[in-house]
Protein backbone atom coordinates (compact mmCIF):
# COMPACT_ATOMS: atom_id res chain seq x y z
CA MET A 1 57.50 141.55 105.70
CA GLY A 2 59.61 140.93 108.79
CA GLY A 3 59.62 137.20 108.06
CA SER A 4 60.95 137.70 104.54
CA GLU A 5 63.83 139.82 105.86
CA ILE A 6 64.84 137.06 108.27
CA LEU A 7 64.58 134.55 105.46
CA MET A 8 66.78 136.70 103.20
CA LYS A 9 69.39 137.14 105.94
CA THR A 10 69.43 133.40 106.59
CA LEU A 11 69.78 132.57 102.91
CA SER A 12 72.56 135.11 102.43
CA SER A 13 74.37 133.82 105.49
CA VAL A 14 74.13 130.21 104.24
CA ALA A 15 75.26 131.23 100.77
CA SER A 16 78.24 133.16 102.13
CA ASN A 17 79.22 130.23 104.34
CA VAL A 18 79.04 127.82 101.42
CA ILE A 19 80.98 130.12 99.11
CA GLY A 20 83.55 130.91 101.82
CA GLY A 21 83.91 127.22 102.62
CA VAL A 22 84.49 126.26 99.02
CA ILE A 23 87.05 129.00 98.55
CA SER A 24 88.94 128.22 101.76
CA GLY A 25 88.60 124.44 101.41
CA GLY A 26 86.57 124.23 104.58
CA ALA A 27 83.73 122.33 102.96
CA THR A 28 85.94 119.35 102.18
CA SER A 29 87.87 119.52 105.44
CA PRO A 30 85.31 117.70 107.60
CA SER A 31 85.10 114.85 105.10
CA ASN A 32 88.90 114.68 104.98
CA ASN A 33 88.93 114.51 108.77
CA LEU A 34 86.43 111.67 108.68
CA VAL A 35 88.51 109.77 106.14
CA ALA A 36 91.65 110.31 108.22
CA GLU A 37 89.87 109.15 111.39
CA ARG A 38 88.55 106.05 109.65
CA LYS A 39 92.02 105.20 108.35
CA ALA A 40 93.49 105.72 111.81
CA ARG A 41 90.86 103.43 113.38
CA GLU A 42 91.46 100.78 110.70
CA GLU A 43 95.22 100.94 111.30
CA GLU A 44 94.72 100.69 115.05
CA GLN A 45 92.43 97.70 114.57
CA ARG A 46 95.00 96.02 112.31
CA GLN A 47 97.67 96.56 114.95
CA GLU A 48 95.44 95.13 117.68
CA GLU A 49 94.65 92.08 115.55
CA ALA A 50 98.34 91.56 114.81
CA GLU A 51 99.12 91.80 118.53
CA GLU A 52 96.38 89.26 119.31
CA ARG A 53 97.77 86.87 116.68
CA ARG A 54 101.25 87.26 118.18
CA ARG A 55 99.91 86.50 121.67
CA GLU A 56 98.11 83.41 120.39
CA ARG A 57 101.24 82.25 118.56
CA ASP A 58 103.27 82.73 121.76
CA LYS A 59 100.73 80.69 123.74
CA VAL A 60 100.90 77.86 121.21
CA MET A 61 104.70 77.87 121.26
CA GLU A 62 104.75 77.85 125.05
CA ALA A 63 102.29 74.94 125.15
CA ARG A 64 104.46 73.00 122.69
CA ASP A 65 107.56 73.64 124.79
CA LEU A 66 105.80 72.48 127.94
CA GLU A 67 104.61 69.33 126.18
CA LYS A 68 108.15 68.57 124.97
CA ARG A 69 109.53 69.05 128.49
CA ARG A 70 106.82 66.86 129.97
CA LYS A 71 107.55 64.10 127.47
CA ALA A 72 111.29 64.39 128.10
CA GLU A 73 110.73 64.08 131.85
CA ALA A 74 108.47 61.07 131.33
CA ILE A 75 111.20 59.35 129.32
CA THR A 76 113.87 60.00 131.95
CA LYS A 77 111.61 58.80 134.74
CA SER A 78 110.52 55.62 132.98
CA THR A 79 111.98 52.24 133.88
CA LEU A 80 113.22 51.80 130.34
CA GLY A 81 115.21 55.02 130.56
CA ASN A 82 116.72 54.18 133.95
CA GLY A 83 116.97 50.43 133.74
CA ALA A 84 116.24 48.64 137.02
CA ALA A 85 116.93 51.86 138.92
CA GLY A 86 113.66 53.15 137.55
CA LEU A 87 111.68 50.74 139.71
CA THR A 88 110.17 52.73 142.51
CA ASN A 89 108.38 49.97 144.39
CA SER A 90 110.26 47.24 146.19
CA PRO A 91 109.62 43.78 144.76
CA GLU A 92 107.01 41.74 146.56
CA VAL A 93 108.71 38.61 147.74
CA GLY A 94 107.03 36.11 149.98
CA VAL A 95 108.99 33.70 152.17
CA SER A 96 107.47 30.63 150.54
CA LYS A 97 108.36 31.83 147.02
CA LEU A 98 111.96 32.45 148.01
CA LYS A 99 112.27 28.99 149.51
CA THR A 100 110.95 27.38 146.33
CA LYS A 101 113.30 29.43 144.15
CA LEU A 102 116.29 28.62 146.32
CA GLY A 103 115.34 24.97 146.55
CA GLU A 104 114.59 24.69 150.25
């Protein structure tokens, strides 16, 4: 009968824990903690996703700004933007061509 005494003590201990947990609210506390943790993780994930979207948006804006600057520089460096001053190479003029142009 030693085994039945241990079984009775175990059952009474489980029953008292369940009853005590229900009375004190301890039985629902772990599930509340899990819900709170899940909500906290979801909120943290939302914040991380928002931060990632902000970083991506900043990268796109920076790329657009760089493209605008590059195009603006290309316009100012072009021969159309500077007139004849935009020519960087000296004109190739041969002696024979000059003589024919000048009539000699």
